[in-house]
């Protein structure tokens, strides 16, 4: 429970500020404000660290598909950072392509706001559920992949999993609970009371990504011998090479 109390505490502190001091809360969650800036820094740090993990895995001759996954994660984290700041639209003062901004529900130069609010919330919820241990539980049951599950998703009980879990709980409100309430005829919305509760939740998610990258780097560095136990297909390739060498 202690591991869950830290990410939950981060979210609840921001929520409490919103209850006690709404102007301060609005400043914290404002565009390019402290929370969004922190999300940007977390995403950039994750991109750098994920690149280091990919290089470490490549250097230690882990399976190349696993290296590729981490290259994609690094690139995705960099794209997330760019999306978070709308690729500098506000900072640099450019309007962006008309086709993109007109289709964007916030009239910004980013792709994630092309989704409907519900679709975006559902996507965030799925990411949170995946990182809270569900993704790891699925990967470790797959042949040839399961032995690398710790590097594909946070396991239940890891330091990073609760950060994803708290985020999943918050966004489940937007993607599951509120649609049910609206179906039942209620017009209640959390954002009617505190605007953009998703911002502190996304901060928690960003921290989860970074912590997972740190955990994975520790796995790669502290267990280099795991590279000597590649996936079954690669073991076969090495056996063929060894046999040919002794011939």
Protein backbone atom coordinates (compact mmCIF):
# COMPACT_ATOMS: atom_id res chain seq x y z
CA UNK A 1 0.00 0.00 0.00
CA UNK A 2 2.92 2.35 0.62
CA UNK A 3 3.91 2.16 -3.03
CA UNK A 4 0.37 3.24 -4.02
CA UNK A 5 0.25 6.05 -1.49
CA UNK A 6 2.96 8.08 -3.24
CA UNK A 7 1.34 8.45 -6.70
CA UNK A 8 -2.11 8.71 -5.12
CA UNK A 9 -0.74 11.38 -2.80
CA UNK A 10 0.64 13.40 -5.71
CA UNK A 11 -2.77 13.40 -7.39
CA UNK A 12 -4.70 14.09 -4.19
CA UNK A 13 -2.45 17.02 -3.21
CA UNK A 14 -3.23 18.73 -6.52
CA UNK A 15 -6.90 17.87 -6.08
CA UNK A 16 -6.88 19.35 -2.56
CA UNK A 17 -5.33 22.55 -3.92
CA UNK A 18 -8.23 22.73 -6.36
CA UNK A 19 -10.73 22.45 -3.52
CA UNK A 20 -9.00 24.99 -1.27
CA UNK A 21 -7.53 27.45 -3.77
CA UNK A 22 -9.09 27.32 -7.23
CA UNK A 23 -7.00 30.19 -8.74
CA UNK A 24 -3.78 28.41 -7.68
CA UNK A 25 -5.11 25.16 -9.12
CA UNK A 26 -5.96 26.85 -12.42
CA UNK A 27 -2.43 28.26 -12.58
CA UNK A 28 -0.93 24.83 -11.90
CA UNK A 29 -2.87 23.09 -14.68
CA UNK A 30 -2.85 25.95 -17.19
CA UNK A 31 -1.35 25.51 -20.66
CA UNK A 32 2.46 25.60 -20.31
CA UNK A 33 1.99 25.86 -16.54
CA UNK A 34 3.98 23.92 -13.92
CA UNK A 35 2.19 20.59 -14.36
CA UNK A 36 2.33 20.59 -18.16
CA UNK A 37 5.98 21.69 -18.03
CA UNK A 38 6.72 18.82 -15.63
CA UNK A 39 4.99 16.40 -18.02
CA UNK A 40 7.18 17.67 -20.84
CA UNK A 41 10.37 17.20 -18.80
CA UNK A 42 9.32 13.71 -17.71
CA UNK A 43 8.64 12.69 -21.31
CA UNK A 44 12.01 14.04 -22.50
CA UNK A 45 13.83 12.31 -19.63
CA UNK A 46 12.02 9.06 -20.47
CA UNK A 47 13.01 9.38 -24.14
CA UNK A 48 16.67 9.79 -23.18
CA UNK A 49 16.63 6.95 -20.67
CA UNK A 50 14.73 4.62 -23.01
CA UNK A 51 17.43 5.27 -25.63
CA UNK A 52 20.06 4.29 -23.06
CA UNK A 53 18.13 1.09 -22.30
CA UNK A 54 17.92 0.27 -26.02
CA UNK A 55 21.69 0.80 -26.41
CA UNK A 56 22.42 -1.28 -23.31
CA UNK A 57 20.29 -4.15 -24.59
CA UNK A 58 21.94 -3.96 -27.99
CA UNK A 59 25.43 -3.89 -26.49
CA UNK A 60 24.69 -6.93 -24.30
CA UNK A 61 23.23 -8.77 -27.32
CA UNK A 62 19.70 -9.13 -26.02
CA UNK A 63 17.14 -10.11 -28.71
CA UNK A 64 17.02 -7.52 -31.44
CA UNK A 65 13.22 -7.34 -31.40
CA UNK A 66 13.44 -6.27 -27.76
CA UNK A 67 15.96 -3.56 -28.67
CA UNK A 68 13.53 -2.39 -31.36
CA UNK A 69 10.71 -2.18 -28.80
CA UNK A 70 12.82 0.16 -26.69
CA UNK A 71 13.77 2.28 -29.69
CA UNK A 72 10.05 2.65 -30.41
CA UNK A 73 9.42 3.53 -26.74
CA UNK A 74 12.14 6.18 -26.86
CA UNK A 75 10.74 7.65 -30.08
CA UNK A 76 7.21 7.52 -28.67
CA UNK A 77 8.28 9.37 -25.53
CA UNK A 78 9.89 12.08 -27.65
CA UNK A 79 6.72 12.38 -29.74
CA UNK A 80 4.69 12.57 -26.53
CA UNK A 81 6.85 15.49 -25.39
CA UNK A 82 6.28 17.25 -28.71
CA UNK A 83 2.55 16.59 -28.55
CA UNK A 84 2.40 17.91 -24.99
CA UNK A 85 3.73 21.30 -26.09
CA UNK A 86 1.86 21.19 -29.45
CA UNK A 87 5.28 21.18 -31.11
CA UNK A 88 6.05 24.67 -29.84
CA UNK A 89 2.97 26.29 -31.37
CA UNK A 90 2.31 28.55 -28.42
CA UNK A 91 5.96 29.21 -27.61
CA UNK A 92 6.96 30.04 -31.20
CA UNK A 93 3.66 31.65 -32.19
CA UNK A 94 2.91 29.70 -35.37
CA UNK A 95 -0.61 28.68 -36.33
CA UNK A 96 0.10 25.24 -37.76
CA UNK A 97 -1.46 23.56 -40.82
CA UNK A 98 -5.11 24.54 -41.26
CA UNK A 99 -6.13 20.95 -41.99
CA UNK A 100 -4.71 19.84 -38.65
CA UNK A 101 -5.82 22.70 -36.43
CA UNK A 102 -9.35 22.79 -37.85
CA UNK A 103 -9.82 19.07 -37.12
CA UNK A 104 -8.29 19.41 -33.65
CA UNK A 105 -10.91 20.01 -30.95
CA UNK A 106 -8.53 22.43 -29.19
CA UNK A 107 -7.43 24.08 -32.46
CA UNK A 108 -3.81 23.14 -31.75
CA UNK A 109 -0.99 21.57 -33.72
CA UNK A 110 -1.06 18.09 -32.25
CA UNK A 111 -2.43 14.71 -33.23
CA UNK A 112 -3.80 13.37 -29.95
CA UNK A 113 -6.58 15.95 -29.84
CA UNK A 114 -7.87 14.69 -33.17
CA UNK A 115 -9.49 11.94 -31.09
CA UNK A 116 -12.81 12.61 -29.43
CA UNK A 117 -12.55 13.33 -25.69
CA UNK A 118 -14.01 9.90 -24.91
CA UNK A 119 -11.63 8.07 -27.27
CA UNK A 120 -8.67 9.95 -25.79
CA UNK A 121 -9.80 9.10 -22.24
CA UNK A 122 -10.30 5.45 -23.18
CA UNK A 123 -6.80 5.31 -24.68
CA UNK A 124 -5.29 6.81 -21.54
CA UNK A 125 -7.25 4.30 -19.42
CA UNK A 126 -5.94 1.36 -21.47
CA UNK A 127 -2.35 2.60 -21.11
CA UNK A 128 -2.82 2.85 -17.34
CA UNK A 129 -4.33 -0.63 -17.05
CA UNK A 130 -1.53 -2.07 -19.22
CA UNK A 131 1.17 -0.54 -17.03
CA UNK A 132 -0.51 -1.48 -13.74
CA UNK A 133 0.42 -5.14 -14.22
CA UNK A 134 -2.06 -6.40 -16.81
CA UNK A 135 0.37 -6.02 -19.71
CA UNK A 136 3.07 -7.94 -17.83
CA UNK A 137 0.61 -10.71 -16.92
CA UNK A 138 -0.24 -11.14 -20.61
CA UNK A 139 3.34 -11.03 -21.92
CA UNK A 140 4.73 -13.55 -19.45
CA UNK A 141 2.25 -16.19 -20.63
CA UNK A 142 3.35 -15.96 -24.26
CA UNK A 143 5.97 -18.42 -25.57
CA UNK A 144 9.34 -16.94 -26.60
CA UNK A 145 8.30 -13.60 -25.09
CA UNK A 146 7.39 -14.34 -21.50
CA UNK A 147 10.97 -14.46 -20.22
CA UNK A 148 11.38 -10.81 -21.26
CA UNK A 149 8.07 -9.60 -19.76
CA UNK A 150 9.84 -7.42 -17.16
CA UNK A 151 11.23 -5.32 -20.02
CA UNK A 152 7.93 -5.07 -21.86
CA UNK A 153 5.62 -3.86 -19.08
CA UNK A 154 5.75 -3.14 -15.34
CA UNK A 155 5.01 -6.20 -13.26
CA UNK A 156 2.51 -6.10 -10.43
CA UNK A 157 4.47 -5.21 -7.31
CA UNK A 158 7.05 -3.11 -9.12
CA UNK A 159 7.67 0.52 -8.14
CA UNK A 160 6.26 1.86 -11.41
CA UNK A 161 3.00 -0.15 -11.55
CA UNK A 162 1.10 1.92 -8.92
CA UNK A 163 1.75 5.11 -10.89
CA UNK A 164 0.03 3.56 -13.90
CA UNK A 165 -2.71 2.17 -11.65
CA UNK A 166 -3.59 5.53 -10.11
CA UNK A 167 -3.73 7.06 -13.58
CA UNK A 168 -6.00 4.23 -14.78
CA UNK A 169 -8.41 4.80 -11.90
CA UNK A 170 -8.66 8.54 -12.62
CA UNK A 171 -9.18 8.14 -16.35
CA UNK A 172 -11.64 5.30 -15.87
CA UNK A 173 -13.91 8.01 -14.47
CA UNK A 174 -13.88 9.82 -17.81
CA UNK A 175 -14.04 6.76 -20.06
CA UNK A 176 -16.37 4.50 -18.04
CA UNK A 177 -18.15 6.14 -15.10
CA UNK A 178 -19.19 9.46 -16.67
CA UNK A 179 -20.56 7.82 -19.87
CA UNK A 180 -22.65 5.47 -17.69
CA UNK A 181 -23.93 8.41 -15.63
CA UNK A 182 -24.83 10.30 -18.80
CA UNK A 183 -26.62 7.22 -20.16
CA UNK A 184 -28.65 7.12 -16.95
CA UNK A 185 -29.64 10.74 -17.45
CA UNK A 186 -27.18 12.47 -15.13
CA UNK A 187 -25.35 15.56 -16.40
CA UNK A 188 -22.69 15.40 -13.65
CA UNK A 189 -19.14 15.94 -14.86
CA UNK A 190 -16.00 16.10 -12.72
CA UNK A 191 -14.70 18.94 -14.85
CA UNK A 192 -17.71 21.03 -13.94
CA UNK A 193 -16.23 21.16 -10.44
CA UNK A 194 -12.49 21.00 -11.06
CA UNK A 195 -11.35 21.61 -14.61
CA UNK A 196 -9.00 19.14 -16.22
CA UNK A 197 -8.43 16.60 -13.48
CA UNK A 198 -6.62 14.68 -16.20
CA UNK A 199 -3.60 16.98 -15.97
CA UNK A 200 -2.36 15.80 -12.55
CA UNK A 201 -3.22 12.25 -13.60
CA UNK A 202 -1.08 12.58 -16.73
CA UNK A 203 1.74 13.87 -14.53
CA UNK A 204 1.47 10.66 -12.50
CA UNK A 205 1.52 8.64 -15.74
CA UNK A 206 4.64 10.46 -16.95
CA UNK A 207 6.39 9.60 -13.70
CA UNK A 208 5.34 5.97 -14.18
CA UNK A 209 6.94 5.84 -17.62
CA UNK A 210 10.20 7.28 -16.30
CA UNK A 211 10.31 4.92 -13.30
CA UNK A 212 9.67 1.94 -15.59
CA UNK A 213 12.59 3.02 -17.79
CA UNK A 214 14.81 3.24 -14.70
CA UNK A 215 13.72 -0.23 -13.55
CA UNK A 216 14.43 -1.65 -17.00
CA UNK A 217 17.89 -0.08 -17.13
CA UNK A 218 18.67 -1.68 -13.76
CA UNK A 219 17.51 -5.06 -15.10
CA UNK A 220 19.71 -4.76 -18.18
CA UNK A 221 22.78 -3.70 -16.17
CA UNK A 222 22.40 -5.94 -13.14
CA UNK A 223 21.46 -9.05 -15.10
CA UNK A 224 23.69 -9.05 -18.21
CA UNK A 225 23.79 -12.85 -18.02
CA UNK A 226 20.18 -12.87 -19.23
CA UNK A 227 21.55 -12.09 -22.67
CA UNK A 228 23.06 -15.56 -22.60
CA UNK A 229 19.52 -16.97 -22.42
CA UNK A 230 17.88 -15.58 -25.56
CA UNK A 231 14.55 -16.57 -26.97
CA UNK A 232 14.29 -20.19 -28.22
CA UNK A 233 14.67 -19.22 -31.89
CA UNK A 234 17.92 -17.40 -31.15
CA UNK A 235 19.18 -20.31 -29.07
CA UNK A 236 18.71 -22.49 -32.12
CA UNK A 237 20.65 -20.05 -34.27
CA UNK A 238 23.55 -20.05 -31.81
CA UNK A 239 23.58 -23.84 -31.65
CA UNK A 240 23.85 -23.98 -35.42
CA UNK A 241 26.74 -21.52 -35.34
CA UNK A 242 28.51 -23.50 -32.59
CA UNK A 243 28.11 -26.78 -34.47
CA UNK A 244 29.51 -25.32 -37.66
CA UNK A 245 32.47 -23.96 -35.74
CA UNK A 246 33.34 -27.41 -34.35
CA UNK A 247 32.98 -29.10 -37.73
